[in-house]
């Protein structure tokens, strides 16, 4: 049984793929022969693998057309997970509007296609705002701004000039102090949750000047667990109806934040190459390896049960 984890070139990944050593050890223990293969390498024989998992294809933003073509090509093999259509949908954060229409409590989101729309969206928010591209990763071109800070419109202009739609959202006060809670599911079952420290500095840029994930294991409250479960169910219905995808997805990460009024809402749903934060919960690597093994056709009798 051979499995490929699709990744970016080594000079893009550097030492940032902190999940990788946990993947490698856990997959070896589960009897999975695992290769890390660069998605853009034309010599990789994707058809030779029992399963191809999109894991750390972090340079896709610079090659969107090529990456989309790769997803379509490998997706036709029937071994790609998550499925190509699901990944393509999830790469554009406008999926939040689809989730909202399906009844999921998501962070209020305005999508803007021109400067007038940006001005209207910014003018409609009384507090701090977050501006980001509809297609983005790693907080690229993402900023948090005080009310009336002209830098928010400037960033939005840069995004529009780049040919991308702009998302305008209210900044959630609790994120700047307590961060957000990310819950990871494998095969539709909650594996673990972590609390991520704040990333965005007020006025644009990153807290501390660099993209650094500050993580700690987190027990889900009943309210957060209910939001995670309802969101996962809604995603399942959406991808089933829209893309014909049956059954649970191999992996999903649902990021939840707490609004000022105490409501728990979804900030992101990551269905394409999310960090699984295995350094914070190492035992979760075995659960992911078991899910991978099952998808590749191997029943692992030692599969661990659900976690936090």
Protein backbone atom coordinates (compact mmCIF):
# COMPACT_ATOMS: atom_id res chain seq x y z
CA UNK A 1 0.00 0.00 0.00
CA UNK A 2 1.56 3.28 -1.16
CA UNK A 3 0.37 6.75 -0.24
CA UNK A 4 1.60 10.12 -1.51
CA UNK A 5 1.28 13.31 0.50
CA UNK A 6 1.33 16.16 -2.03
CA UNK A 7 3.61 18.96 -0.92
CA UNK A 8 5.42 22.06 -2.15
CA UNK A 9 9.11 22.20 -3.08
CA UNK A 10 11.60 22.02 -0.22
CA UNK A 11 12.65 25.65 -0.57
CA UNK A 12 9.02 26.68 -0.01
CA UNK A 13 8.38 24.33 2.90
CA UNK A 14 11.66 24.87 4.74
CA UNK A 15 11.26 23.75 8.35
CA UNK A 16 7.63 24.88 8.56
CA UNK A 17 5.91 21.55 7.91
CA UNK A 18 5.80 20.64 11.58
CA UNK A 19 3.24 17.87 10.93
CA UNK A 20 5.59 15.90 8.69
CA UNK A 21 7.72 14.00 11.26
CA UNK A 22 4.53 12.91 13.05
CA UNK A 23 2.99 11.79 9.75
CA UNK A 24 6.04 9.76 8.86
CA UNK A 25 6.31 7.95 12.19
CA UNK A 26 2.58 7.24 12.48
CA UNK A 27 2.18 6.05 8.90
CA UNK A 28 5.16 3.72 9.25
CA UNK A 29 3.62 2.28 12.40
CA UNK A 30 0.32 1.74 10.55
CA UNK A 31 2.05 -0.09 7.70
CA UNK A 32 1.64 2.72 5.20
CA UNK A 33 4.45 3.32 2.70
CA UNK A 34 4.43 7.11 2.58
CA UNK A 35 6.06 9.39 0.01
CA UNK A 36 6.10 13.19 0.17
CA UNK A 37 5.82 14.22 -3.49
CA UNK A 38 5.92 17.73 -4.92
CA UNK A 39 2.60 18.43 -6.61
CA UNK A 40 4.19 20.38 -9.48
CA UNK A 41 6.86 17.75 -10.27
CA UNK A 42 5.90 16.34 -13.70
CA UNK A 43 7.82 13.10 -13.04
CA UNK A 44 5.68 11.97 -10.08
CA UNK A 45 3.62 8.86 -11.09
CA UNK A 46 0.44 9.82 -9.24
CA UNK A 47 -1.48 6.91 -10.75
CA UNK A 48 0.84 4.45 -9.01
CA UNK A 49 -0.40 5.43 -5.56
CA UNK A 50 -3.31 3.88 -3.70
CA UNK A 51 -4.07 7.28 -2.19
CA UNK A 52 -2.97 10.87 -2.83
CA UNK A 53 -3.50 13.34 0.03
CA UNK A 54 -3.14 17.10 -0.42
CA UNK A 55 -1.09 18.15 2.61
CA UNK A 56 1.37 21.04 2.22
CA UNK A 57 0.98 22.46 -1.30
CA UNK A 58 1.74 25.90 0.06
CA UNK A 59 2.92 27.51 -3.18
CA UNK A 60 -0.42 27.05 -4.94
CA UNK A 61 -1.27 30.74 -4.50
CA UNK A 62 1.48 31.64 -6.95
CA UNK A 63 0.31 29.02 -9.46
CA UNK A 64 -3.48 28.94 -9.16
CA UNK A 65 -4.19 27.94 -12.75
CA UNK A 66 -1.56 25.20 -12.77
CA UNK A 67 -2.67 23.93 -9.38
CA UNK A 68 -6.29 23.80 -10.52
CA UNK A 69 -5.28 21.79 -13.57
CA UNK A 70 -3.28 19.42 -11.35
CA UNK A 71 -6.29 18.94 -9.05
CA UNK A 72 -8.49 18.10 -12.04
CA UNK A 73 -5.95 15.68 -13.49
CA UNK A 74 -5.16 13.80 -10.29
CA UNK A 75 -8.77 14.01 -9.16
CA UNK A 76 -9.82 11.94 -12.18
CA UNK A 77 -7.77 9.04 -10.79
CA UNK A 78 -10.29 8.67 -7.98
CA UNK A 79 -7.62 8.49 -5.27
CA UNK A 80 -7.31 12.18 -4.32
CA UNK A 81 -8.41 13.34 -0.89
CA UNK A 82 -9.99 15.51 -0.12
CA UNK A 83 -11.67 15.35 -3.55
CA UNK A 84 -10.55 17.89 -6.14
CA UNK A 85 -13.94 19.63 -6.39
CA UNK A 86 -14.11 20.09 -2.61
CA UNK A 87 -10.59 21.52 -2.48
CA UNK A 88 -11.26 23.89 -5.37
CA UNK A 89 -14.42 25.18 -3.66
CA UNK A 90 -12.69 25.57 -0.31
CA UNK A 91 -9.71 27.54 -1.66
CA UNK A 92 -12.00 30.54 -2.21
CA UNK A 93 -13.20 31.92 1.12
CA UNK A 94 -16.50 32.86 -0.43
CA UNK A 95 -17.49 29.36 0.64
CA UNK A 96 -18.38 31.13 3.92
CA UNK A 97 -21.42 32.60 2.16
CA UNK A 98 -22.51 29.08 1.17
CA UNK A 99 -22.15 27.93 4.76
CA UNK A 100 -24.13 30.92 6.02
CA UNK A 101 -26.90 30.12 3.53
CA UNK A 102 -26.90 26.57 4.91
CA UNK A 103 -27.52 27.88 8.41
CA UNK A 104 -23.97 27.70 9.79
CA UNK A 105 -23.12 30.56 12.20
CA UNK A 106 -20.18 32.16 10.41
CA UNK A 107 -18.29 35.39 10.98
CA UNK A 108 -20.18 38.22 9.20
CA UNK A 109 -18.53 38.53 5.79
CA UNK A 110 -18.86 41.05 2.97
CA UNK A 111 -17.41 40.24 -0.44
CA UNK A 112 -16.27 43.29 -2.41
CA UNK A 113 -15.37 43.45 -6.08
CA UNK A 114 -14.56 47.15 -6.38
CA UNK A 115 -13.50 50.18 -4.33
CA UNK A 116 -17.08 51.37 -3.86
CA UNK A 117 -18.01 48.03 -2.35
CA UNK A 118 -15.01 48.20 -0.03
CA UNK A 119 -15.95 51.70 1.13
CA UNK A 120 -19.51 50.59 1.82
CA UNK A 121 -18.38 47.50 3.74
CA UNK A 122 -15.85 49.40 5.83
CA UNK A 123 -18.35 52.16 6.54
CA UNK A 124 -20.87 49.63 7.79
CA UNK A 125 -18.62 48.41 10.62
CA UNK A 126 -18.21 50.43 13.81
CA UNK A 127 -15.25 48.59 15.33
CA UNK A 128 -12.00 47.08 14.16
CA UNK A 129 -12.02 45.34 10.79
CA UNK A 130 -10.15 42.55 9.04
CA UNK A 131 -9.43 42.82 5.32
CA UNK A 132 -8.25 39.82 3.32
CA UNK A 133 -8.35 38.34 -0.19
CA UNK A 134 -11.00 35.79 -1.07
CA UNK A 135 -8.18 33.44 -2.07
CA UNK A 136 -5.39 33.54 0.46
CA UNK A 137 -3.33 31.44 2.89
CA UNK A 138 -0.88 32.06 5.69
CA UNK A 139 -2.40 35.51 6.39
CA UNK A 140 -0.98 36.82 3.10
CA UNK A 141 -2.40 40.29 2.29
CA UNK A 142 -4.47 40.12 5.48
CA UNK A 143 -4.69 42.98 7.97
CA UNK A 144 -6.51 44.11 11.11
CA UNK A 145 -7.29 47.80 11.41
CA UNK A 146 -8.82 50.32 13.79
CA UNK A 147 -12.01 52.16 12.74
CA UNK A 148 -11.28 54.83 10.15
CA UNK A 149 -7.72 53.64 9.43
CA UNK A 150 -7.18 54.40 5.74
CA UNK A 151 -4.69 51.53 5.54
CA UNK A 152 -7.64 49.11 5.43
CA UNK A 153 -8.85 50.60 2.14
CA UNK A 154 -5.27 50.72 0.86
CA UNK A 155 -4.84 46.99 1.48
CA UNK A 156 -8.18 46.29 -0.17
CA UNK A 157 -7.01 48.29 -3.19
CA UNK A 158 -3.87 46.18 -3.47
CA UNK A 159 -5.97 43.02 -3.40
CA UNK A 160 -8.33 44.37 -6.07
CA UNK A 161 -5.38 45.43 -8.22
CA UNK A 162 -4.16 41.83 -7.96
CA UNK A 163 -7.41 40.73 -9.59
CA UNK A 164 -8.95 39.21 -6.46
CA UNK A 165 -12.13 39.83 -4.55
CA UNK A 166 -11.85 41.36 -1.07
CA UNK A 167 -13.40 40.04 2.11
CA UNK A 168 -14.27 42.54 4.86
CA UNK A 169 -15.09 41.15 8.29
CA UNK A 170 -15.42 42.58 11.79
CA UNK A 171 -12.36 41.90 13.93
CA UNK A 172 -13.39 39.68 16.83
CA UNK A 173 -12.11 41.16 20.10
CA UNK A 174 -11.53 37.77 21.74
CA UNK A 175 -9.17 36.70 18.94
CA UNK A 176 -6.74 39.48 19.83
CA UNK A 177 -6.60 38.29 23.43
CA UNK A 178 -7.54 34.61 23.59
CA UNK A 179 -7.07 33.53 19.98
CA UNK A 180 -9.27 30.98 18.24
CA UNK A 181 -10.02 27.29 18.69
CA UNK A 182 -9.28 24.90 15.83
CA UNK A 183 -10.88 21.46 15.80
CA UNK A 184 -9.60 18.74 13.51
CA UNK A 185 -11.79 15.89 12.27
CA UNK A 186 -10.66 12.70 10.55
CA UNK A 187 -13.31 10.74 8.67
CA UNK A 188 -15.93 13.01 10.21
CA UNK A 189 -14.92 12.25 13.81
CA UNK A 190 -13.42 14.87 16.11
CA UNK A 191 -9.77 14.02 16.76
CA UNK A 192 -8.46 16.98 18.74
CA UNK A 193 -8.70 20.72 19.32
CA UNK A 194 -6.07 23.38 19.89
CA UNK A 195 -6.15 27.03 20.84
CA UNK A 196 -4.18 29.24 18.48
CA UNK A 197 -2.76 32.50 19.76
CA UNK A 198 -3.52 35.77 17.92
CA UNK A 199 -1.75 36.28 14.59
CA UNK A 200 -2.71 39.77 13.39
CA UNK A 201 -1.31 42.98 14.81
CA UNK A 202 -3.47 46.10 14.86
CA UNK A 203 -2.56 48.38 11.98
CA UNK A 204 -1.62 45.60 9.58
CA UNK A 205 1.02 42.92 9.66
CA UNK A 206 1.57 40.01 12.00
CA UNK A 207 1.85 39.93 15.76
CA UNK A 208 5.54 39.70 16.57
CA UNK A 209 6.43 40.48 12.96
CA UNK A 210 6.32 36.89 11.72
CA UNK A 211 3.81 34.12 11.08
CA UNK A 212 4.14 32.03 14.24
CA UNK A 213 1.51 29.58 15.44
CA UNK A 214 1.25 29.57 19.24
CA UNK A 215 -0.63 26.41 20.11
CA UNK A 216 -2.02 24.64 23.15
CA UNK A 217 -4.35 21.62 23.43
CA UNK A 218 -7.92 22.65 24.15
CA UNK A 219 -10.97 20.84 25.49
CA UNK A 220 -14.10 21.72 23.53
CA UNK A 221 -16.90 23.40 25.43
CA UNK A 222 -20.40 22.05 24.72
CA UNK A 223 -21.21 25.20 22.72
CA UNK A 224 -18.12 24.87 20.52
CA UNK A 225 -18.65 21.15 20.06
CA UNK A 226 -22.21 21.83 18.89
CA UNK A 227 -20.97 24.41 16.36
CA UNK A 228 -18.28 22.03 15.10
CA UNK A 229 -20.75 19.17 14.71
CA UNK A 230 -23.40 21.27 12.96
CA UNK A 231 -20.77 22.77 10.66
CA UNK A 232 -19.33 19.38 9.72
CA UNK A 233 -22.84 18.11 8.99
CA UNK A 234 -23.62 21.16 6.85
CA UNK A 235 -20.37 20.78 4.91
CA UNK A 236 -21.22 17.14 4.29
CA UNK A 237 -24.62 18.06 2.90
CA UNK A 238 -23.18 20.84 0.74
CA UNK A 239 -20.40 18.79 -0.87
CA UNK A 240 -22.78 15.91 -1.33
CA UNK A 241 -25.40 17.99 -3.11
CA UNK A 242 -22.99 20.13 -5.10
CA UNK A 243 -20.18 17.71 -5.94
CA UNK A 244 -21.66 14.27 -5.40
CA UNK A 245 -19.21 13.49 -2.60
CA UNK A 246 -20.61 10.82 -0.34
CA UNK A 247 -19.53 10.03 3.19
CA UNK A 248 -17.24 12.05 5.46
CA UNK A 249 -14.17 13.87 4.21
CA UNK A 250 -10.74 12.48 5.08
CA UNK A 251 -9.88 15.61 7.02
CA UNK A 252 -11.40 18.92 8.02
CA UNK A 253 -10.35 21.73 10.32
CA UNK A 254 -13.00 24.04 11.75
CA UNK A 255 -11.85 27.29 13.36
CA UNK A 256 -14.28 28.81 15.87
CA UNK A 257 -14.17 32.19 17.62
CA UNK A 258 -16.28 33.81 20.34
CA UNK A 259 -18.13 37.04 19.56
CA UNK A 260 -18.61 39.85 22.08
CA UNK A 261 -22.11 38.59 22.88
CA UNK A 262 -20.78 35.11 23.70
CA UNK A 263 -21.91 33.40 20.49
CA UNK A 264 -19.56 30.87 18.92
CA UNK A 265 -19.12 31.36 15.17
CA UNK A 266 -17.05 29.78 12.43
CA UNK A 267 -14.08 31.78 11.18
CA UNK A 268 -12.75 29.23 8.68
CA UNK A 269 -13.36 25.68 7.49
CA UNK A 270 -10.14 24.23 6.08
CA UNK A 271 -10.68 21.32 3.70
CA UNK A 272 -7.48 21.80 1.67
CA UNK A 273 -3.99 21.27 3.12
CA UNK A 274 -4.69 22.49 6.66
CA UNK A 275 -2.08 22.31 9.39
CA UNK A 276 -3.20 19.58 11.77
CA UNK A 277 -1.17 20.94 14.72
CA UNK A 278 0.23 17.52 15.56
CA UNK A 279 3.08 19.05 17.54
CA UNK A 280 0.48 20.14 20.09
CA UNK A 281 -1.31 16.77 20.20
CA UNK A 282 1.20 14.16 18.94
CA UNK A 283 -1.07 11.18 19.60
CA UNK A 284 -3.48 12.51 16.94
CA UNK A 285 -0.96 11.48 14.27
CA UNK A 286 -1.94 7.85 14.85
CA UNK A 287 -5.60 8.67 14.30
CA UNK A 288 -4.79 10.43 11.02
CA UNK A 289 -2.57 7.57 9.87
CA UNK A 290 -5.38 5.11 10.62
CA UNK A 291 -7.81 7.22 8.56
CA UNK A 292 -5.30 7.38 5.70
CA UNK A 293 -4.78 3.63 5.86
CA UNK A 294 -8.52 2.99 5.70
CA UNK A 295 -8.88 5.26 2.66
CA UNK A 296 -6.04 3.40 0.96
CA UNK A 297 -7.85 0.12 1.51
CA UNK A 298 -6.04 -1.20 4.56
CA UNK A 299 -7.95 -1.90 7.77
CA UNK A 300 -5.80 -0.94 10.74
CA UNK A 301 -6.99 -2.85 13.80
CA UNK A 302 -4.96 -0.57 16.10
CA UNK A 303 -6.74 2.63 15.02
CA UNK A 304 -7.07 4.99 17.94
CA UNK A 305 -10.39 6.42 19.00
CA UNK A 306 -11.50 10.06 19.02
CA UNK A 307 -9.64 12.58 21.10
CA UNK A 308 -10.44 15.99 22.49
